[in-house]
Amino acid sequence: MERAGAPNFFVNRYTGPPRGRDYERWREELYRCTLRVDVQPGAGDSIDCELQASLLGGVLLGTFSGTSAEFSRTRDTLKDGYDGMCLVIATSGRVLISHEEHSIELSESQMCLGDMSVLCGTRMSNHSKIKTIRIPRTLLLTICPKAEDQLALALRGQPPVREAVARYHALAANLGPHTDVVGQHLMAQHMVDLIALLLGTDADRTELASYRGHSAARLDLMRADVIANQGFYTYSISQPIELVNATFVIAALALAVPITWRFGPAYGVFVLLMIAPPLFRGGFLSLGRLTSTLFPLFLYMGWRLRGTPLAVAVMAFAAFQGLLAVVFFTWRPFF
C-alpha cells in the first residue's frame, strides 16, 4: 500500500490471482482493515484493480478502476461491527450492485446507496470505473433522517445534484488529504451536505436550505484553506469566474480613493457601501452585477479621458463598457 504524499491518501494496484502471499497481504492490509470489505475477482479467475483512497475524518472517498474486481461485505467482514453507508457512483462501464437479496445494475453517472451492516457488494468488469463515499450512519442520518428509504435503489433523478456530488468527490479526494485537519473536516461535511440534498425529500431539502448560511461559511473556510495549500495561481485557473469578479472588486475599491478626491466623499462612500456589505456577506461570486453598474466609475473614467482624442476616448469607453457587460453576467458559474 503506497501513501501518495499524505498519510491518509493511498494509491494501489493489484493484478493477479486471488491467492498467494502478495494477495493475502494486499487484501488484509488495504481492503479488510482500511476499506472494511473483502475483494475477489469480478470476472474470470483473476483480479485487475487500481485504487485511490482518501480518508477525510470519518468519510472515506474511493476511486476504483479495472477489468475484474468485486468488493463485498461478507459474513466475515461484518464481524468488525462497522455501522455505515456507502454511496456508489458509476463512472464508466458495467457496475453491478448486490444488496442482500436485491441486484441493481448501474449505468454511467447513476448512483446507489448501500448499507454496510448487511451483506452487499459491488462488481466491476470490462474496464469499469466507480467512485465510492463511505459515511458513518449517524453522520448522514443527522441531516437526512430518511436516507435509509433510498437504500438499494438506482438513483437516476436530480442530474445537477448528482453531477455536483461526482465533481466534489474529485476535488475532495485529490486536495482534501493535503489540507489540515480543519480543512479535511469541512470538505467531509460539505460532501455529506451534498449527499443529503441528493437523498432527501423536498421537506428535507427545505430544512437543509435553512442551514445554508452555515454550509456557505464552511465552504468559504474550505476555499481559503484550498488557496493556502494549492497556491493562488492554481486556484485562479480552477475558479476563473471568481478571479474576474475579484479583479473588478479590487479595482473598484482602489478607485474609491481618487473618486473621493475628485467628486467628493459622498461618491467614495457610495462605492464602498455598494460593495462592502455584499462582499462580506456572500464573497465575490455576485459582485460583478454591482461593480458593472457603479455610476461613479463611469464619471471617473470620463474625467480621466478628458483631453483625449475623440476616437481614442470612444474606443476606450466602449472596451470598458464591454468588460463591465461581461462581468455583469458572472453572477453564477457557467455550466
C-alpha atoms as a PDB file:
ATOM      1  CA  MET A   1       0.000   0.000   0.000  1.00  0.00           C
ATOM      2  CA  GLU A   2       1.564   3.288  -1.117  1.00  0.00           C
ATOM      3  CA  ARG A   3       0.958   6.546   0.686  1.00  0.00           C
ATOM      4  CA  ALA A   4       0.885   9.157  -2.085  1.00  0.00           C
ATOM      5  CA  GLY A   5       2.245  12.279  -0.387  1.00  0.00           C
ATOM      6  CA  ALA A   6      -0.112  12.263   2.621  1.00  0.00           C
ATOM      7  CA  PRO A   7      -0.702   9.798   5.482  1.00  0.00           C
ATOM      8  CA  ASN A   8      -4.406   9.452   4.638  1.00  0.00           C
ATOM      9  CA  PHE A   9      -4.066   9.201   0.840  1.00  0.00           C
ATOM     10  CA  PHE A  10      -3.410   5.770  -0.702  1.00  0.00           C
ATOM     11  CA  VAL A  11      -2.820   4.602  -4.260  1.00  0.00           C
ATOM     12  CA  ASN A  12      -2.549   0.911  -5.026  1.00  0.00           C
ATOM     13  CA  ARG A  13      -2.917  -1.580  -7.871  1.00  0.00           C
ATOM     14  CA  TYR A  14      -3.129  -5.350  -7.932  1.00  0.00           C
ATOM     15  CA  THR A  15      -3.200  -7.655 -10.925  1.00  0.00           C
ATOM     16  CA  GLY A  16      -3.123 -11.386 -10.420  1.00  0.00           C
ATOM     17  CA  PRO A  17      -4.876 -14.436  -8.978  1.00  0.00           C
ATOM     18  CA  PRO A  18      -6.778 -14.292  -5.668  1.00  0.00           C
ATOM     19  CA  ARG A  19      -4.217 -16.353  -3.790  1.00  0.00           C
ATOM     20  CA  GLY A  20      -0.639 -16.236  -2.618  1.00  0.00           C
ATOM     21  CA  ARG A  21       1.290 -14.168  -0.089  1.00  0.00           C
ATOM     22  CA  ASP A  22       1.081 -10.876  -2.018  1.00  0.00           C
ATOM     23  CA  TYR A  23      -2.665 -11.190  -2.497  1.00  0.00           C
ATOM     24  CA  GLU A  24      -3.343 -12.052   1.143  1.00  0.00           C
ATOM     25  CA  ARG A  25      -1.229  -9.137   2.394  1.00  0.00           C
ATOM     26  CA  TRP A  26      -2.848  -6.703  -0.056  1.00  0.00           C
ATOM     27  CA  ARG A  27      -6.323  -7.993   0.770  1.00  0.00           C
ATOM     28  CA  GLU A  28      -5.884  -7.887   4.547  1.00  0.00           C
ATOM     29  CA  GLU A  29      -3.976  -4.604   4.891  1.00  0.00           C
ATOM     30  CA  LEU A  30      -5.835  -2.441   2.404  1.00  0.00           C
ATOM     31  CA  TYR A  31      -9.315  -3.838   1.947  1.00  0.00           C
ATOM     32  CA  ARG A  32     -10.275  -5.622   5.149  1.00  0.00           C
ATOM     33  CA  CYS A  33      -8.573  -3.214   7.570  1.00  0.00           C
ATOM     34  CA  THR A  34      -8.910   0.118   5.730  1.00  0.00           C
ATOM     35  CA  LEU A  35     -11.928  -0.241   3.446  1.00  0.00           C
ATOM     36  CA  ARG A  36     -13.716  -2.873   5.581  1.00  0.00           C
ATOM     37  CA  VAL A  37     -14.609  -5.062   2.590  1.00  0.00           C
ATOM     38  CA  ASP A  38     -13.367  -8.270   1.042  1.00  0.00           C
ATOM     39  CA  VAL A  39     -12.150  -8.414  -2.573  1.00  0.00           C
ATOM     40  CA  GLN A  40     -12.474 -11.209  -5.131  1.00  0.00           C
ATOM     41  CA  PRO A  41     -12.372 -11.434  -8.962  1.00  0.00           C
ATOM     42  CA  GLY A  42     -15.267  -9.734 -10.699  1.00  0.00           C
ATOM     43  CA  ALA A  43     -14.847 -11.639 -13.964  1.00  0.00           C
ATOM     44  CA  GLY A  44     -12.813 -14.747 -14.643  1.00  0.00           C
ATOM     45  CA  ASP A  45     -10.353 -16.066 -12.061  1.00  0.00           C
ATOM     46  CA  SER A  46      -8.039 -13.072 -11.610  1.00  0.00           C
ATOM     47  CA  ILE A  47      -8.179  -9.564 -10.178  1.00  0.00           C
ATOM     48  CA  ASP A  48      -7.269  -6.376 -12.034  1.00  0.00           C
ATOM     49  CA  CYS A  49      -7.959  -3.295  -9.944  1.00  0.00           C
ATOM     50  CA  GLU A  50      -6.455   0.104  -9.218  1.00  0.00           C
ATOM     51  CA  LEU A  51      -7.495   2.002  -6.117  1.00  0.00           C
ATOM     52  CA  GLN A  52      -7.159   5.562  -4.875  1.00  0.00           C
ATOM     53  CA  ALA A  53      -8.445   6.132  -1.338  1.00  0.00           C
ATOM     54  CA  SER A  54      -8.667   9.392   0.624  1.00  0.00           C
ATOM     55  CA  LEU A  55      -9.692   9.479   4.276  1.00  0.00           C
ATOM     56  CA  LEU A  56     -11.211  12.762   5.473  1.00  0.00           C
ATOM     57  CA  GLY A  57     -12.173  12.348   9.102  1.00  0.00           C
ATOM     58  CA  GLY A  58     -14.802   9.626   9.208  1.00  0.00           C
ATOM     59  CA  VAL A  59     -15.606   9.917   5.480  1.00  0.00           C
ATOM     60  CA  LEU A  60     -13.651   7.721   3.069  1.00  0.00           C
ATOM     61  CA  LEU A  61     -13.543   8.569  -0.645  1.00  0.00           C
ATOM     62  CA  GLY A  62     -12.520   5.822  -3.041  1.00  0.00           C
ATOM     63  CA  THR A  63     -11.902   5.604  -6.789  1.00  0.00           C
ATOM     64  CA  PHE A  64     -11.680   2.129  -8.323  1.00  0.00           C
ATOM     65  CA  SER A  65     -10.868   1.174 -11.909  1.00  0.00           C
ATOM     66  CA  GLY A  66     -10.018  -2.049 -13.664  1.00  0.00           C
ATOM     67  CA  THR A  67     -11.364  -5.048 -15.559  1.00  0.00           C
ATOM     68  CA  SER A  68     -12.125  -7.507 -12.762  1.00  0.00           C
ATOM     69  CA  ALA A  69     -12.886  -6.949  -9.075  1.00  0.00           C
ATOM     70  CA  GLU A  70     -15.742  -7.473  -6.629  1.00  0.00           C
ATOM     71  CA  PHE A  71     -15.842  -5.700  -3.278  1.00  0.00           C
ATOM     72  CA  SER A  72     -18.243  -7.089  -0.715  1.00  0.00           C
ATOM     73  CA  ARG A  73     -19.300  -7.061   2.892  1.00  0.00           C
ATOM     74  CA  THR A  74     -19.217 -10.761   3.728  1.00  0.00           C
ATOM     75  CA  ARG A  75     -20.264 -12.537   6.905  1.00  0.00           C
ATOM     76  CA  ASP A  76     -16.611 -12.485   7.931  1.00  0.00           C
ATOM     77  CA  THR A  77     -16.117  -8.731   7.400  1.00  0.00           C
ATOM     78  CA  LEU A  78     -19.466  -7.919   9.048  1.00  0.00           C
ATOM     79  CA  LYS A  79     -17.933  -9.096  12.318  1.00  0.00           C
ATOM     80  CA  ASP A  80     -15.998  -5.809  12.562  1.00  0.00           C
ATOM     81  CA  GLY A  81     -19.259  -4.124  13.622  1.00  0.00           C
ATOM     82  CA  TYR A  82     -18.845  -1.130  11.296  1.00  0.00           C
ATOM     83  CA  ASP A  83     -22.129   0.779  11.000  1.00  0.00           C
ATOM     84  CA  GLY A  84     -22.060   2.986   7.948  1.00  0.00           C
ATOM     85  CA  MET A  85     -23.415   3.607   4.482  1.00  0.00           C
ATOM     86  CA  CYS A  86     -21.675   3.781   1.134  1.00  0.00           C
ATOM     87  CA  LEU A  87     -22.733   5.731  -1.926  1.00  0.00           C
ATOM     88  CA  VAL A  88     -21.520   4.063  -5.144  1.00  0.00           C
ATOM     89  CA  ILE A  89     -21.135   6.233  -8.247  1.00  0.00           C
ATOM     90  CA  ALA A  90     -20.852   4.505 -11.623  1.00  0.00           C
ATOM     91  CA  THR A  91     -18.359   6.486 -13.686  1.00  0.00           C
ATOM     92  CA  SER A  92     -17.967   4.158 -16.668  1.00  0.00           C
ATOM     93  CA  GLY A  93     -18.527   0.553 -17.677  1.00  0.00           C
ATOM     94  CA  ARG A  94     -20.922  -2.016 -16.247  1.00  0.00           C
ATOM     95  CA  VAL A  95     -21.346  -1.883 -12.465  1.00  0.00           C
ATOM     96  CA  LEU A  96     -23.444  -4.496 -10.671  1.00  0.00           C
ATOM     97  CA  ILE A  97     -24.598  -3.839  -7.106  1.00  0.00           C
ATOM     98  CA  SER A  98     -25.838  -6.601  -4.784  1.00  0.00           C
ATOM     99  CA  HIS A  99     -27.680  -5.663  -1.590  1.00  0.00           C
ATOM    100  CA  GLU A 100     -28.976  -8.573   0.467  1.00  0.00           C
ATOM    101  CA  GLU A 101     -31.350 -10.294  -1.993  1.00  0.00           C
ATOM    102  CA  HIS A 102     -31.506  -7.408  -4.475  1.00  0.00           C
ATOM    103  CA  SER A 103     -29.359  -6.768  -7.569  1.00  0.00           C
ATOM    104  CA  ILE A 104     -29.040  -3.388  -9.247  1.00  0.00           C
ATOM    105  CA  GLU A 105     -27.136  -2.579 -12.429  1.00  0.00           C
ATOM    106  CA  LEU A 106     -25.886   0.989 -12.698  1.00  0.00           C
ATOM    107  CA  SER A 107     -25.160   2.831 -15.911  1.00  0.00           C
ATOM    108  CA  GLU A 108     -22.867   5.819 -16.231  1.00  0.00           C
ATOM    109  CA  SER A 109     -23.484   8.642 -13.695  1.00  0.00           C
ATOM    110  CA  GLN A 110     -26.104   6.651 -11.774  1.00  0.00           C
ATOM    111  CA  MET A 111     -25.658   6.112  -8.039  1.00  0.00           C
ATOM    112  CA  CYS A 112     -26.739   3.676  -5.359  1.00  0.00           C
ATOM    113  CA  LEU A 113     -26.709   3.899  -1.562  1.00  0.00           C
ATOM    114  CA  GLY A 114     -25.742   0.718   0.269  1.00  0.00           C
ATOM    115  CA  ASP A 115     -25.913  -0.360   3.901  1.00  0.00           C
ATOM    116  CA  MET A 116     -22.549  -1.716   5.089  1.00  0.00           C
ATOM    117  CA  SER A 117     -24.127  -3.515   8.044  1.00  0.00           C
ATOM    118  CA  VAL A 118     -25.717  -6.135   5.736  1.00  0.00           C
ATOM    119  CA  LEU A 119     -24.439  -8.456   3.018  1.00  0.00           C
ATOM    120  CA  CYS A 120     -23.747  -6.290  -0.026  1.00  0.00           C
ATOM    121  CA  GLY A 121     -21.196  -5.842  -2.795  1.00  0.00           C
ATOM    122  CA  THR A 122     -20.087  -4.070  -5.955  1.00  0.00           C
ATOM    123  CA  ARG A 123     -18.779  -5.875  -9.035  1.00  0.00           C
ATOM    124  CA  MET A 124     -16.621  -4.303 -11.751  1.00  0.00           C
ATOM    125  CA  SER A 125     -15.812  -5.776 -15.163  1.00  0.00           C
ATOM    126  CA  ASN A 126     -14.916  -4.703 -18.691  1.00  0.00           C
ATOM    127  CA  HIS A 127     -12.862  -1.615 -17.796  1.00  0.00           C
ATOM    128  CA  SER A 128     -15.302  -0.263 -15.258  1.00  0.00           C
ATOM    129  CA  LYS A 129     -14.669   2.716 -13.031  1.00  0.00           C
ATOM    130  CA  ILE A 130     -16.526   3.646  -9.879  1.00  0.00           C
ATOM    131  CA  LYS A 131     -16.313   6.174  -7.086  1.00  0.00           C
ATOM    132  CA  THR A 132     -17.432   5.471  -3.541  1.00  0.00           C
ATOM    133  CA  ILE A 133     -18.205   7.598  -0.488  1.00  0.00           C
ATOM    134  CA  ARG A 134     -18.292   5.759   2.829  1.00  0.00           C
ATOM    135  CA  ILE A 135     -20.104   7.676   5.583  1.00  0.00           C
ATOM    136  CA  PRO A 136     -20.868   6.789   9.211  1.00  0.00           C
ATOM    137  CA  ARG A 137     -24.599   6.159   9.525  1.00  0.00           C
ATOM    138  CA  THR A 138     -25.195   8.669  12.336  1.00  0.00           C
ATOM    139  CA  LEU A 139     -23.429  11.441  10.409  1.00  0.00           C
ATOM    140  CA  LEU A 140     -25.728  11.067   7.397  1.00  0.00           C
ATOM    141  CA  LEU A 141     -28.955  10.441   9.327  1.00  0.00           C
ATOM    142  CA  THR A 142     -28.397  13.550  11.432  1.00  0.00           C
ATOM    143  CA  ILE A 143     -29.097  15.801   8.447  1.00  0.00           C
ATOM    144  CA  CYS A 144     -31.080  13.356   6.306  1.00  0.00           C
ATOM    145  CA  PRO A 145     -33.216  11.189   8.624  1.00  0.00           C
ATOM    146  CA  LYS A 146     -34.947   9.404   5.745  1.00  0.00           C
ATOM    147  CA  ALA A 147     -31.763   8.429   3.874  1.00  0.00           C
ATOM    148  CA  GLU A 148     -32.404   4.735   4.596  1.00  0.00           C
ATOM    149  CA  ASP A 149     -35.544   4.921   2.454  1.00  0.00           C
ATOM    150  CA  GLN A 150     -33.205   5.241  -0.558  1.00  0.00           C
ATOM    151  CA  LEU A 151     -31.167   2.087   0.149  1.00  0.00           C
ATOM    152  CA  ALA A 152     -30.555  -0.339  -2.737  1.00  0.00           C
ATOM    153  CA  LEU A 153     -32.162   1.914  -5.350  1.00  0.00           C
ATOM    154  CA  ALA A 154     -30.664   3.199  -8.591  1.00  0.00           C
ATOM    155  CA  LEU A 155     -30.578   6.973  -8.112  1.00  0.00           C
ATOM    156  CA  ARG A 156     -31.323   8.457 -11.538  1.00  0.00           C
ATOM    157  CA  GLY A 157     -33.024  11.734 -10.643  1.00  0.00           C
ATOM    158  CA  GLN A 158     -31.642  15.202  -9.944  1.00  0.00           C
ATOM    159  CA  PRO A 159     -28.823  15.180 -12.542  1.00  0.00           C
ATOM    160  CA  PRO A 160     -27.375  18.553 -11.393  1.00  0.00           C
ATOM    161  CA  VAL A 161     -27.027  17.324  -7.800  1.00  0.00           C
ATOM    162  CA  ARG A 162     -25.528  14.008  -8.916  1.00  0.00           C
ATOM    163  CA  GLU A 163     -23.024  15.878 -11.059  1.00  0.00           C
ATOM    164  CA  ALA A 164     -22.166  18.156  -8.135  1.00  0.00           C
ATOM    165  CA  VAL A 165     -21.548  15.107  -5.916  1.00  0.00           C
ATOM    166  CA  ALA A 166     -19.279  13.485  -8.517  1.00  0.00           C
ATOM    167  CA  ARG A 167     -17.293  16.683  -9.142  1.00  0.00           C
ATOM    168  CA  TYR A 168     -16.913  17.433  -5.469  1.00  0.00           C
ATOM    169  CA  HIS A 169     -15.707  13.867  -4.925  1.00  0.00           C
ATOM    170  CA  ALA A 170     -12.881  14.513  -7.401  1.00  0.00           C
ATOM    171  CA  LEU A 171     -11.942  17.788  -5.691  1.00  0.00           C
ATOM    172  CA  ALA A 172     -12.083  16.449  -2.128  1.00  0.00           C
ATOM    173  CA  ALA A 173     -10.329  13.160  -2.938  1.00  0.00           C
ATOM    174  CA  ASN A 174      -7.358  14.893  -4.543  1.00  0.00           C
ATOM    175  CA  LEU A 175      -6.991  18.018  -2.399  1.00  0.00           C
ATOM    176  CA  GLY A 176      -8.541  17.047   0.924  1.00  0.00           C
ATOM    177  CA  PRO A 177      -5.753  14.799   2.246  1.00  0.00           C
ATOM    178  CA  HIS A 178      -3.224  17.607   1.707  1.00  0.00           C
ATOM    179  CA  THR A 179      -5.126  20.152   3.817  1.00  0.00           C
ATOM    180  CA  ASP A 180      -5.039  20.436   7.609  1.00  0.00           C
ATOM    181  CA  VAL A 181      -7.490  18.734   9.949  1.00  0.00           C
ATOM    182  CA  VAL A 182      -9.949  21.641   9.836  1.00  0.00           C
ATOM    183  CA  GLY A 183      -9.939  21.692   6.026  1.00  0.00           C
ATOM    184  CA  GLN A 184     -10.499  17.933   5.880  1.00  0.00           C
ATOM    185  CA  HIS A 185     -13.414  18.178   8.289  1.00  0.00           C
ATOM    186  CA  LEU A 186     -15.008  20.974   6.253  1.00  0.00           C
ATOM    187  CA  MET A 187     -14.661  19.057   2.991  1.00  0.00           C
ATOM    188  CA  ALA A 188     -16.138  15.917   4.549  1.00  0.00           C
ATOM    189  CA  GLN A 189     -19.079  17.848   5.999  1.00  0.00           C
ATOM    190  CA  HIS A 190     -19.789  19.593   2.718  1.00  0.00           C
ATOM    191  CA  MET A 191     -19.725  16.242   0.910  1.00  0.00           C
ATOM    192  CA  VAL A 192     -22.288  14.878   3.373  1.00  0.00           C
ATOM    193  CA  ASP A 193     -24.420  18.002   2.821  1.00  0.00           C
ATOM    194  CA  LEU A 194     -24.462  17.344  -0.934  1.00  0.00           C
ATOM    195  CA  ILE A 195     -25.425  13.696  -0.435  1.00  0.00           C
ATOM    196  CA  ALA A 196     -28.211  14.763   1.924  1.00  0.00           C
ATOM    197  CA  LEU A 197     -29.549  17.065  -0.805  1.00  0.00           C
ATOM    198  CA  LEU A 198     -29.450  14.148  -3.239  1.00  0.00           C
ATOM    199  CA  LEU A 199     -31.219  11.671  -0.944  1.00  0.00           C
ATOM    200  CA  GLY A 200     -33.638  13.875   0.970  1.00  0.00           C
ATOM    201  CA  THR A 201     -37.287  14.598   0.280  1.00  0.00           C
ATOM    202  CA  ASP A 202     -38.479  18.087  -0.622  1.00  0.00           C
ATOM    203  CA  ALA A 203     -39.079  18.772   3.073  1.00  0.00           C
ATOM    204  CA  ASP A 204     -35.585  17.582   3.942  1.00  0.00           C
ATOM    205  CA  ARG A 205     -34.072  19.830   1.287  1.00  0.00           C
ATOM    206  CA  THR A 206     -36.089  22.792   2.563  1.00  0.00           C
ATOM    207  CA  GLU A 207     -34.866  22.183   6.107  1.00  0.00           C
ATOM    208  CA  LEU A 208     -31.283  21.802   4.945  1.00  0.00           C
ATOM    209  CA  ALA A 209     -31.582  25.017   2.939  1.00  0.00           C
ATOM    210  CA  SER A 210     -32.392  26.857   6.168  1.00  0.00           C
ATOM    211  CA  TYR A 211     -28.900  25.961   7.357  1.00  0.00           C
ATOM    212  CA  ARG A 212     -27.264  27.056   4.129  1.00  0.00           C
ATOM    213  CA  GLY A 213     -25.622  30.006   5.884  1.00  0.00           C
ATOM    214  CA  HIS A 214     -23.606  27.548   7.956  1.00  0.00           C
ATOM    215  CA  SER A 215     -22.854  25.454   4.885  1.00  0.00           C
ATOM    216  CA  ALA A 216     -21.707  28.545   2.973  1.00  0.00           C
ATOM    217  CA  ALA A 217     -19.459  29.508   5.870  1.00  0.00           C
ATOM    218  CA  ARG A 218     -17.928  26.035   5.825  1.00  0.00           C
ATOM    219  CA  LEU A 219     -17.394  26.299   2.075  1.00  0.00           C
ATOM    220  CA  ASP A 220     -15.751  29.733   2.385  1.00  0.00           C
ATOM    221  CA  LEU A 221     -13.351  28.397   5.029  1.00  0.00           C
ATOM    222  CA  MET A 222     -12.636  25.390   2.847  1.00  0.00           C
ATOM    223  CA  ARG A 223     -11.859  27.615  -0.151  1.00  0.00           C
ATOM    224  CA  ALA A 224      -9.494  29.705   1.961  1.00  0.00           C
ATOM    225  CA  ASP A 225      -7.709  26.547   3.052  1.00  0.00           C
ATOM    226  CA  VAL A 226      -7.514  25.293  -0.547  1.00  0.00           C
ATOM    227  CA  ILE A 227      -5.974  28.599  -1.665  1.00  0.00           C
ATOM    228  CA  ALA A 228      -3.412  28.437   1.124  1.00  0.00           C
ATOM    229  CA  ASN A 229      -2.382  24.886   0.231  1.00  0.00           C
ATOM    230  CA  GLN A 230      -2.901  24.924  -3.516  1.00  0.00           C
ATOM    231  CA  GLY A 231      -1.462  28.325  -4.375  1.00  0.00           C
ATOM    232  CA  PHE A 232      -3.149  31.376  -5.863  1.00  0.00           C
ATOM    233  CA  TYR A 233      -2.267  30.589  -9.494  1.00  0.00           C
ATOM    234  CA  THR A 234      -3.693  27.044  -9.449  1.00  0.00           C
ATOM    235  CA  TYR A 235      -6.817  28.159  -7.610  1.00  0.00           C
ATOM    236  CA  SER A 236      -7.317  31.019 -10.094  1.00  0.00           C
ATOM    237  CA  ILE A 237      -7.172  28.601 -13.011  1.00  0.00           C
ATOM    238  CA  SER A 238      -9.790  26.379 -11.360  1.00  0.00           C
ATOM    239  CA  GLN A 239     -12.043  29.312 -10.349  1.00  0.00           C
ATOM    240  CA  PRO A 240     -11.872  31.820 -13.259  1.00  0.00           C
ATOM    241  CA  ILE A 241     -15.273  33.406 -12.550  1.00  0.00           C
ATOM    242  CA  GLU A 242     -14.318  34.340  -9.014  1.00  0.00           C
ATOM    243  CA  LEU A 243     -10.981  35.664 -10.272  1.00  0.00           C
ATOM    244  CA  VAL A 244     -12.734  38.011 -12.729  1.00  0.00           C
ATOM    245  CA  ASN A 245     -15.147  39.259 -10.093  1.00  0.00           C
ATOM    246  CA  ALA A 246     -12.373  39.697  -7.523  1.00  0.00           C
ATOM    247  CA  THR A 247     -10.305  41.722 -10.011  1.00  0.00           C
ATOM    248  CA  PHE A 248     -13.129  44.201 -10.610  1.00  0.00           C
ATOM    249  CA  VAL A 249     -13.955  44.435  -6.911  1.00  0.00           C
ATOM    250  CA  ILE A 250     -10.351  45.278  -6.060  1.00  0.00           C
ATOM    251  CA  ALA A 251     -10.247  47.834  -8.893  1.00  0.00           C
ATOM    252  CA  ALA A 252     -13.493  49.476  -7.722  1.00  0.00           C
ATOM    253  CA  LEU A 253     -12.272  49.667  -4.132  1.00  0.00           C
ATOM    254  CA  ALA A 254      -8.969  51.157  -5.269  1.00  0.00           C
ATOM    255  CA  LEU A 255     -10.788  53.777  -7.374  1.00  0.00           C
ATOM    256  CA  ALA A 256     -12.877  54.834  -4.371  1.00  0.00           C
ATOM    257  CA  VAL A 257      -9.928  56.966  -3.202  1.00  0.00           C
ATOM    258  CA  PRO A 258      -9.415  59.075  -6.394  1.00  0.00           C
ATOM    259  CA  ILE A 259     -13.197  59.259  -6.849  1.00  0.00           C
ATOM    260  CA  THR A 260     -13.439  60.819  -3.375  1.00  0.00           C
ATOM    261  CA  TRP A 261     -10.694  63.330  -4.176  1.00  0.00           C
ATOM    262  CA  ARG A 262     -12.273  64.349  -7.485  1.00  0.00           C
ATOM    263  CA  PHE A 263     -16.025  64.270  -6.812  1.00  0.00           C
ATOM    264  CA  GLY A 264     -16.305  64.406  -3.036  1.00  0.00           C
ATOM    265  CA  PRO A 265     -16.729  61.977  -0.097  1.00  0.00           C
ATOM    266  CA  ALA A 266     -20.343  61.137  -0.942  1.00  0.00           C
ATOM    267  CA  TYR A 267     -19.299  59.372  -4.156  1.00  0.00           C
ATOM    268  CA  GLY A 268     -16.496  57.409  -2.492  1.00  0.00           C
ATOM    269  CA  VAL A 269     -18.754  56.343   0.366  1.00  0.00           C
ATOM    270  CA  PHE A 270     -21.410  55.289  -2.165  1.00  0.00           C
ATOM    271  CA  VAL A 271     -18.902  52.946  -3.854  1.00  0.00           C
ATOM    272  CA  LEU A 272     -17.888  51.412  -0.512  1.00  0.00           C
ATOM    273  CA  LEU A 273     -21.486  50.958   0.631  1.00  0.00           C
ATOM    274  CA  MET A 274     -22.426  49.236  -2.611  1.00  0.00           C
ATOM    275  CA  ILE A 275     -19.515  46.767  -2.412  1.00  0.00           C
ATOM    276  CA  ALA A 276     -18.561  46.130   1.222  1.00  0.00           C
ATOM    277  CA  PRO A 277     -21.805  44.634   2.662  1.00  0.00           C
ATOM    278  CA  PRO A 278     -22.393  42.029  -0.098  1.00  0.00           C
ATOM    279  CA  LEU A 279     -18.662  41.241  -0.196  1.00  0.00           C
ATOM    280  CA  PHE A 280     -18.567  40.334   3.488  1.00  0.00           C
ATOM    281  CA  ARG A 281     -21.900  38.539   3.282  1.00  0.00           C
ATOM    282  CA  GLY A 282     -21.502  36.387   0.206  1.00  0.00           C
ATOM    283  CA  GLY A 283     -17.988  36.667  -1.248  1.00  0.00           C
ATOM    284  CA  PHE A 284     -17.022  37.565  -4.813  1.00  0.00           C
ATOM    285  CA  LEU A 285     -19.491  35.494  -6.827  1.00  0.00           C
ATOM    286  CA  SER A 286     -22.313  38.029  -7.369  1.00  0.00           C
ATOM    287  CA  LEU A 287     -20.344  41.255  -7.188  1.00  0.00           C
ATOM    288  CA  GLY A 288     -19.900  41.592 -10.937  1.00  0.00           C
ATOM    289  CA  ARG A 289     -23.517  42.737 -11.106  1.00  0.00           C
ATOM    290  CA  LEU A 290     -22.728  45.563  -8.668  1.00  0.00           C
ATOM    291  CA  THR A 291     -19.357  46.788  -9.913  1.00  0.00           C
ATOM    292  CA  SER A 292     -20.593  46.881 -13.514  1.00  0.00           C
ATOM    293  CA  THR A 293     -23.335  49.415 -12.641  1.00  0.00           C
ATOM    294  CA  LEU A 294     -21.496  51.790 -10.277  1.00  0.00           C
ATOM    295  CA  PHE A 295     -22.030  55.179 -11.935  1.00  0.00           C
ATOM    296  CA  PRO A 296     -19.109  56.887 -10.071  1.00  0.00           C
ATOM    297  CA  LEU A 297     -16.751  54.621 -12.018  1.00  0.00           C
ATOM    298  CA  PHE A 298     -18.132  55.963 -15.296  1.00  0.00           C
ATOM    299  CA  LEU A 299     -17.851  59.540 -14.042  1.00  0.00           C
ATOM    300  CA  TYR A 300     -14.239  58.958 -13.075  1.00  0.00           C
ATOM    301  CA  MET A 301     -13.400  57.363 -16.405  1.00  0.00           C
ATOM    302  CA  GLY A 302     -14.951  60.295 -18.288  1.00  0.00           C
ATOM    303  CA  TRP A 303     -12.866  62.687 -16.178  1.00  0.00           C
ATOM    304  CA  ARG A 304      -9.675  60.687 -16.794  1.00  0.00           C
ATOM    305  CA  LEU A 305     -10.292  60.678 -20.572  1.00  0.00           C
ATOM    306  CA  ARG A 306     -10.705  64.462 -20.803  1.00  0.00           C
ATOM    307  CA  GLY A 307      -8.488  65.949 -23.478  1.00  0.00           C
ATOM    308  CA  THR A 308      -8.134  62.573 -25.210  1.00  0.00           C
ATOM    309  CA  PRO A 309      -8.843  62.476 -28.983  1.00  0.00           C
ATOM    310  CA  LEU A 310     -12.481  61.566 -29.562  1.00  0.00           C
ATOM    311  CA  ALA A 311     -11.815  58.305 -31.427  1.00  0.00           C
ATOM    312  CA  VAL A 312      -9.463  57.009 -28.714  1.00  0.00           C
ATOM    313  CA  ALA A 313     -11.893  58.046 -25.971  1.00  0.00           C
ATOM    314  CA  VAL A 314     -14.808  56.282 -27.677  1.00  0.00           C
ATOM    315  CA  MET A 315     -12.775  53.091 -28.182  1.00  0.00           C
ATOM    316  CA  ALA A 316     -11.555  53.078 -24.577  1.00  0.00           C
ATOM    317  CA  PHE A 317     -15.022  53.734 -23.220  1.00  0.00           C
ATOM    318  CA  ALA A 318     -16.518  51.023 -25.451  1.00  0.00           C
ATOM    319  CA  ALA A 319     -13.901  48.499 -24.291  1.00  0.00           C
ATOM    320  CA  PHE A 320     -14.592  49.402 -20.673  1.00  0.00           C
ATOM    321  CA  GLN A 321     -18.328  49.004 -21.237  1.00  0.00           C
ATOM    322  CA  GLY A 322     -17.733  45.625 -22.852  1.00  0.00           C
ATOM    323  CA  LEU A 323     -15.729  44.391 -19.877  1.00  0.00           C
ATOM    324  CA  LEU A 324     -18.429  45.532 -17.482  1.00  0.00           C
ATOM    325  CA  ALA A 325     -21.088  43.796 -19.584  1.00  0.00           C
ATOM    326  CA  VAL A 326     -19.132  40.532 -19.314  1.00  0.00           C
ATOM    327  CA  VAL A 327     -18.744  40.924 -15.561  1.00  0.00           C
ATOM    328  CA  PHE A 328     -22.471  41.596 -15.212  1.00  0.00           C
ATOM    329  CA  PHE A 329     -23.197  38.028 -16.306  1.00  0.00           C
ATOM    330  CA  THR A 330     -20.672  36.331 -13.975  1.00  0.00           C
ATOM    331  CA  TRP A 331     -23.117  36.229 -11.070  1.00  0.00           C
ATOM    332  CA  ARG A 332     -23.017  32.421 -11.198  1.00  0.00           C
ATOM    333  CA  PRO A 333     -20.608  29.783 -12.568  1.00  0.00           C
ATOM    334  CA  PHE A 334     -21.036  28.810 -16.227  1.00  0.00           C
ATOM    335  CA  PHE A 335     -22.034  25.208 -16.908  1.00  0.00           C
END
